[in-house]
Amino acid sequence: MMPQYKVVELSTVTDEELESAINKWVAEGWVLDGINFAMRESSKRPSMAFILFTRGDERPGE
């Protein structure tokens, strides 16, 4: 089986929202792969976050 990828977009970027999204998807078997932030020029805080997950790399019979 080829790896699957999941991208979760958050428009509210707080530690609580990030933690909640990560815990939810990890509990469903996804592995956190990274987080990317979209910034605005007018603010030092990110306006959006994209959380990347992967799952499954098992091949049948292995």
C-alpha atoms as a PDB file:
ATOM      1  CA  MET A   1       0.000   0.000   0.000  1.00  0.00           C
ATOM      2  CA  MET A   2       1.310   3.430  -0.898  1.00  0.00           C
ATOM      3  CA  PRO A   3       1.466   6.074   1.820  1.00  0.00           C
ATOM      4  CA  GLN A   4      -1.586   8.296   2.198  1.00  0.00           C
ATOM      5  CA  TYR A   5      -1.329  12.002   2.868  1.00  0.00           C
ATOM      6  CA  LYS A   6      -3.682  14.332   4.722  1.00  0.00           C
ATOM      7  CA  VAL A   7      -3.574  18.128   4.887  1.00  0.00           C
ATOM      8  CA  VAL A   8      -5.587  19.877   7.600  1.00  0.00           C
ATOM      9  CA  GLU A   9      -6.146  23.621   7.180  1.00  0.00           C
ATOM     10  CA  LEU A  10      -6.663  25.802  10.239  1.00  0.00           C
ATOM     11  CA  SER A  11      -7.856  29.379   9.886  1.00  0.00           C
ATOM     12  CA  THR A  12      -7.658  29.975  13.642  1.00  0.00           C
ATOM     13  CA  VAL A  13      -4.009  29.502  14.581  1.00  0.00           C
ATOM     14  CA  THR A  14      -3.638  29.088  18.338  1.00  0.00           C
ATOM     15  CA  ASP A  15      -1.791  26.507  20.389  1.00  0.00           C
ATOM     16  CA  GLU A  16      -5.133  25.040  21.455  1.00  0.00           C
ATOM     17  CA  GLU A  17      -6.387  24.663  17.864  1.00  0.00           C
ATOM     18  CA  LEU A  18      -3.106  23.133  16.689  1.00  0.00           C
ATOM     19  CA  GLU A  19      -3.034  20.729  19.639  1.00  0.00           C
ATOM     20  CA  SER A  20      -6.656  19.711  19.119  1.00  0.00           C
ATOM     21  CA  ALA A  21      -6.197  19.010  15.397  1.00  0.00           C
ATOM     22  CA  ILE A  22      -2.961  17.080  15.923  1.00  0.00           C
ATOM     23  CA  ASN A  23      -4.412  14.957  18.734  1.00  0.00           C
ATOM     24  CA  LYS A  24      -7.559  14.217  16.706  1.00  0.00           C
ATOM     25  CA  TRP A  25      -5.755  12.938  13.607  1.00  0.00           C
ATOM     26  CA  VAL A  26      -2.971  11.102  15.460  1.00  0.00           C
ATOM     27  CA  ALA A  27      -5.673   9.228  17.415  1.00  0.00           C
ATOM     28  CA  GLU A  28      -7.098   8.132  14.039  1.00  0.00           C
ATOM     29  CA  GLY A  29      -3.783   6.600  12.989  1.00  0.00           C
ATOM     30  CA  TRP A  30      -2.175   9.498  11.118  1.00  0.00           C
ATOM     31  CA  VAL A  31       1.454  10.483  11.784  1.00  0.00           C
ATOM     32  CA  LEU A  32       2.359  14.160  12.044  1.00  0.00           C
ATOM     33  CA  ASP A  33       4.665  15.072   9.154  1.00  0.00           C
ATOM     34  CA  GLY A  34       4.938  18.851   9.518  1.00  0.00           C
ATOM     35  CA  ILE A  35       3.256  22.216   9.920  1.00  0.00           C
ATOM     36  CA  ASN A  36       3.394  25.166   7.512  1.00  0.00           C
ATOM     37  CA  PHE A  37       2.212  28.646   8.414  1.00  0.00           C
ATOM     38  CA  ALA A  38       0.824  31.352   6.105  1.00  0.00           C
ATOM     39  CA  MET A  39       1.781  34.821   7.258  1.00  0.00           C
ATOM     40  CA  ARG A  40       0.313  38.259   6.642  1.00  0.00           C
ATOM     41  CA  GLU A  41       2.560  41.237   6.158  1.00  0.00           C
ATOM     42  CA  SER A  42       0.460  43.302   8.565  1.00  0.00           C
ATOM     43  CA  SER A  43       0.747  40.840  11.471  1.00  0.00           C
ATOM     44  CA  LYS A  44       3.424  38.834  13.227  1.00  0.00           C
ATOM     45  CA  ARG A  45       0.954  36.011  13.870  1.00  0.00           C
ATOM     46  CA  PRO A  46       0.183  33.407  11.236  1.00  0.00           C
ATOM     47  CA  SER A  47      -3.167  33.792   9.486  1.00  0.00           C
ATOM     48  CA  MET A  48      -3.446  30.081   8.596  1.00  0.00           C
ATOM     49  CA  ALA A  49      -1.756  26.785   9.361  1.00  0.00           C
ATOM     50  CA  PHE A  50      -1.515  23.661   7.239  1.00  0.00           C
ATOM     51  CA  ILE A  51      -0.846  20.486   9.233  1.00  0.00           C
ATOM     52  CA  LEU A  52       0.567  17.596   7.213  1.00  0.00           C
ATOM     53  CA  PHE A  53       0.040  13.938   8.124  1.00  0.00           C
ATOM     54  CA  THR A  54       0.939  10.599   6.563  1.00  0.00           C
ATOM     55  CA  ARG A  55      -0.245   7.064   7.154  1.00  0.00           C
ATOM     56  CA  GLY A  56       0.368   3.575   5.870  1.00  0.00           C
ATOM     57  CA  ASP A  57       3.392   2.295   4.076  1.00  0.00           C
ATOM     58  CA  GLU A  58       2.704  -1.379   4.729  1.00  0.00           C
ATOM     59  CA  ARG A  59       2.758  -3.716   1.796  1.00  0.00           C
ATOM     60  CA  PRO A  60       0.583  -6.832   1.847  1.00  0.00           C
ATOM     61  CA  GLY A  61       2.481  -9.815   3.214  1.00  0.00           C
ATOM     62  CA  GLU A  62       5.178  -7.776   4.950  1.00  0.00           C
END
